[in-house]
Amino acid sequence: QVQLVESGGGLVQPGGSLRLSCAASRTPFNSYVMGWYRQAPGKQRELVAGFTTYGSTNYAGSVKGRFTISRDNANNTVYLQMNSLKPEDTAMYYCRAHPRWGGNDYWGQGTQVTVSS
């Protein structure tokens, strides 16, 4: 019912910034609760930042104050602005869409973020 395509990942030095984008194919965009997750090699997938059902935001403690999630409903796009990046932020980052009416979540293919000197 919806396809998600992430972009914006890459290699960045510690302290640098990246902006990830997630473009969704299905409208209306507000019918889905959006979020960002990440998974490092050998680690379980974890929530990084997400919107709640009512439009507020939640952040993992490790990224609070450094990352910001936002959305552009007109363009069906969700963003993750990542500042002051650390080597421990290195992971595959995934976009997730949860239907407000229920049903299974939809996931993008992921975009790699590598923070290294």
C-alpha atoms as a PDB file:
ATOM      1  CA  GLN A   1       0.000   0.000   0.000  1.00  0.00           C
ATOM      2  CA  VAL A   2       2.990   2.306   0.475  1.00  0.00           C
ATOM      3  CA  GLN A   3       6.605   2.282  -0.691  1.00  0.00           C
ATOM      4  CA  LEU A   4       9.393   4.079   1.171  1.00  0.00           C
ATOM      5  CA  VAL A   5      12.718   5.170  -0.317  1.00  0.00           C
ATOM      6  CA  GLU A   6      15.500   6.468   1.941  1.00  0.00           C
ATOM      7  CA  SER A   7      18.383   8.621   0.779  1.00  0.00           C
ATOM      8  CA  GLY A   8      21.079  10.912   2.167  1.00  0.00           C
ATOM      9  CA  GLY A   9      23.395   8.455   3.901  1.00  0.00           C
ATOM     10  CA  GLY A  10      27.139   8.413   3.432  1.00  0.00           C
ATOM     11  CA  LEU A  11      30.551   8.727   5.057  1.00  0.00           C
ATOM     12  CA  VAL A  12      31.083  11.648   7.416  1.00  0.00           C
ATOM     13  CA  GLN A  13      33.729  12.642   9.973  1.00  0.00           C
ATOM     14  CA  PRO A  14      32.925  12.793  13.687  1.00  0.00           C
ATOM     15  CA  GLY A  15      31.184  16.063  14.485  1.00  0.00           C
ATOM     16  CA  GLY A  16      29.769  16.328  10.986  1.00  0.00           C
ATOM     17  CA  SER A  17      26.160  16.390   9.812  1.00  0.00           C
ATOM     18  CA  LEU A  18      23.891  14.464   7.462  1.00  0.00           C
ATOM     19  CA  ARG A  19      20.248  14.833   6.463  1.00  0.00           C
ATOM     20  CA  LEU A  20      18.323  11.675   5.643  1.00  0.00           C
ATOM     21  CA  SER A  21      15.157  11.719   3.536  1.00  0.00           C
ATOM     22  CA  CYS A  22      12.310   9.219   3.274  1.00  0.00           C
ATOM     23  CA  ALA A  23       9.918   9.615   0.354  1.00  0.00           C
ATOM     24  CA  ALA A  24       6.565   7.817   0.572  1.00  0.00           C
ATOM     25  CA  SER A  25       4.481   6.802  -2.431  1.00  0.00           C
ATOM     26  CA  ARG A  26       1.016   6.567  -0.869  1.00  0.00           C
ATOM     27  CA  THR A  27      -1.277   9.490  -0.026  1.00  0.00           C
ATOM     28  CA  PRO A  28      -2.725  10.907   2.172  1.00  0.00           C
ATOM     29  CA  PHE A  29       0.612  11.107   3.979  1.00  0.00           C
ATOM     30  CA  ASN A  30      -1.005  11.873   7.345  1.00  0.00           C
ATOM     31  CA  SER A  31      -2.616   8.422   7.293  1.00  0.00           C
ATOM     32  CA  TYR A  32       0.736   7.001   8.459  1.00  0.00           C
ATOM     33  CA  VAL A  33       2.776   7.427  11.631  1.00  0.00           C
ATOM     34  CA  MET A  34       6.399   7.845  10.562  1.00  0.00           C
ATOM     35  CA  GLY A  35       9.682   7.050  12.285  1.00  0.00           C
ATOM     36  CA  TRP A  36      13.398   6.377  11.848  1.00  0.00           C
ATOM     37  CA  TYR A  37      15.212   3.255  13.081  1.00  0.00           C
ATOM     38  CA  ARG A  38      18.812   2.081  12.841  1.00  0.00           C
ATOM     39  CA  GLN A  39      20.691  -1.201  13.048  1.00  0.00           C
ATOM     40  CA  ALA A  40      24.433  -1.680  13.454  1.00  0.00           C
ATOM     41  CA  PRO A  41      26.193  -4.968  12.578  1.00  0.00           C
ATOM     42  CA  GLY A  42      25.554  -7.540  15.288  1.00  0.00           C
ATOM     43  CA  LYS A  43      23.056  -5.262  17.042  1.00  0.00           C
ATOM     44  CA  GLN A  44      19.264  -5.207  17.193  1.00  0.00           C
ATOM     45  CA  ARG A  45      17.254  -2.576  15.387  1.00  0.00           C
ATOM     46  CA  GLU A  46      16.414   0.406  17.587  1.00  0.00           C
ATOM     47  CA  LEU A  47      14.148   3.419  17.388  1.00  0.00           C
ATOM     48  CA  VAL A  48      16.071   6.623  16.708  1.00  0.00           C
ATOM     49  CA  ALA A  49      13.316   9.207  16.273  1.00  0.00           C
ATOM     50  CA  GLY A  50       9.626   9.067  15.534  1.00  0.00           C
ATOM     51  CA  PHE A  51       6.299  10.825  15.549  1.00  0.00           C
ATOM     52  CA  THR A  52       3.575   9.689  17.910  1.00  0.00           C
ATOM     53  CA  THR A  53      -0.015   9.074  16.872  1.00  0.00           C
ATOM     54  CA  TYR A  54      -0.835  12.645  17.882  1.00  0.00           C
ATOM     55  CA  GLY A  55       2.073  14.343  16.129  1.00  0.00           C
ATOM     56  CA  SER A  56       4.551  14.863  18.954  1.00  0.00           C
ATOM     57  CA  THR A  57       8.101  13.465  18.713  1.00  0.00           C
ATOM     58  CA  ASN A  58      10.155  10.859  20.552  1.00  0.00           C
ATOM     59  CA  TYR A  59      13.945  10.437  20.463  1.00  0.00           C
ATOM     60  CA  ALA A  60      16.369   7.834  21.693  1.00  0.00           C
ATOM     61  CA  GLY A  61      18.349   9.155  24.638  1.00  0.00           C
ATOM     62  CA  SER A  62      21.606   8.711  22.727  1.00  0.00           C
ATOM     63  CA  VAL A  63      20.541  11.134  19.968  1.00  0.00           C
ATOM     64  CA  LYS A  64      18.392  13.654  21.849  1.00  0.00           C
ATOM     65  CA  GLY A  65      19.658  17.163  21.243  1.00  0.00           C
ATOM     66  CA  ARG A  66      21.622  16.095  18.146  1.00  0.00           C
ATOM     67  CA  PHE A  67      18.981  14.638  15.794  1.00  0.00           C
ATOM     68  CA  THR A  68      15.718  16.201  14.614  1.00  0.00           C
ATOM     69  CA  ILE A  69      12.852  14.479  12.816  1.00  0.00           C
ATOM     70  CA  SER A  70      10.588  16.555  10.580  1.00  0.00           C
ATOM     71  CA  ARG A  71       8.135  16.063   7.736  1.00  0.00           C
ATOM     72  CA  ASP A  72       6.815  17.765   4.638  1.00  0.00           C
ATOM     73  CA  ASN A  73       3.261  16.538   4.092  1.00  0.00           C
ATOM     74  CA  ALA A  74       2.925  18.323   0.748  1.00  0.00           C
ATOM     75  CA  ASN A  75       5.836  16.276  -0.629  1.00  0.00           C
ATOM     76  CA  ASN A  76       5.148  13.059   1.344  1.00  0.00           C
ATOM     77  CA  THR A  77       8.652  13.173   2.812  1.00  0.00           C
ATOM     78  CA  VAL A  78      10.114  12.629   6.287  1.00  0.00           C
ATOM     79  CA  TYR A  79      13.574  13.916   7.235  1.00  0.00           C
ATOM     80  CA  LEU A  80      16.148  13.122   9.880  1.00  0.00           C
ATOM     81  CA  GLN A  81      18.653  15.914  10.479  1.00  0.00           C
ATOM     82  CA  MET A  82      21.718  14.459  12.220  1.00  0.00           C
ATOM     83  CA  ASN A  83      24.238  16.840  13.786  1.00  0.00           C
ATOM     84  CA  SER A  84      27.340  16.295  15.926  1.00  0.00           C
ATOM     85  CA  LEU A  85      27.652  12.761  14.598  1.00  0.00           C
ATOM     86  CA  LYS A  86      29.643  10.198  16.578  1.00  0.00           C
ATOM     87  CA  PRO A  87      31.268   6.906  15.492  1.00  0.00           C
ATOM     88  CA  GLU A  88      28.631   5.028  17.512  1.00  0.00           C
ATOM     89  CA  ASP A  89      25.965   6.484  15.186  1.00  0.00           C
ATOM     90  CA  THR A  90      27.312   4.248  12.405  1.00  0.00           C
ATOM     91  CA  ALA A  91      24.458   1.991  11.260  1.00  0.00           C
ATOM     92  CA  MET A  92      21.953   1.249   8.544  1.00  0.00           C
ATOM     93  CA  TYR A  93      19.072   3.704   8.935  1.00  0.00           C
ATOM     94  CA  TYR A  94      15.518   2.666   8.028  1.00  0.00           C
ATOM     95  CA  CYS A  95      12.306   4.606   7.511  1.00  0.00           C
ATOM     96  CA  ARG A  96       9.091   3.104   8.908  1.00  0.00           C
ATOM     97  CA  ALA A  97       5.433   3.885   8.184  1.00  0.00           C
ATOM     98  CA  HIS A  98       2.665   2.606  10.456  1.00  0.00           C
ATOM     99  CA  PRO A  99      -0.935   2.834   9.148  1.00  0.00           C
ATOM    100  CA  ARG A 100      -3.147   4.829  11.504  1.00  0.00           C
ATOM    101  CA  TRP A 101      -6.037   2.447  10.819  1.00  0.00           C
ATOM    102  CA  GLY A 102      -3.958  -0.579  11.865  1.00  0.00           C
ATOM    103  CA  GLY A 103      -2.162  -3.268   9.910  1.00  0.00           C
ATOM    104  CA  ASN A 104       1.489  -4.089   9.310  1.00  0.00           C
ATOM    105  CA  ASP A 105       4.294  -1.554   9.231  1.00  0.00           C
ATOM    106  CA  TYR A 106       6.069  -0.660   5.991  1.00  0.00           C
ATOM    107  CA  TRP A 107       9.868  -0.367   5.821  1.00  0.00           C
ATOM    108  CA  GLY A 108      12.287   1.214   3.403  1.00  0.00           C
ATOM    109  CA  GLN A 109      15.399  -0.520   2.084  1.00  0.00           C
ATOM    110  CA  GLY A 110      17.724   1.455   4.353  1.00  0.00           C
ATOM    111  CA  THR A 111      20.552   3.932   3.851  1.00  0.00           C
ATOM    112  CA  GLN A 112      24.032   3.477   5.326  1.00  0.00           C
ATOM    113  CA  VAL A 113      25.523   6.083   7.656  1.00  0.00           C
ATOM    114  CA  THR A 114      29.213   5.724   8.520  1.00  0.00           C
ATOM    115  CA  VAL A 115      30.919   8.101  10.952  1.00  0.00           C
ATOM    116  CA  SER A 116      34.688   7.709  10.884  1.00  0.00           C
ATOM    117  CA  SER A 117      37.917   9.673  10.820  1.00  0.00           C
END
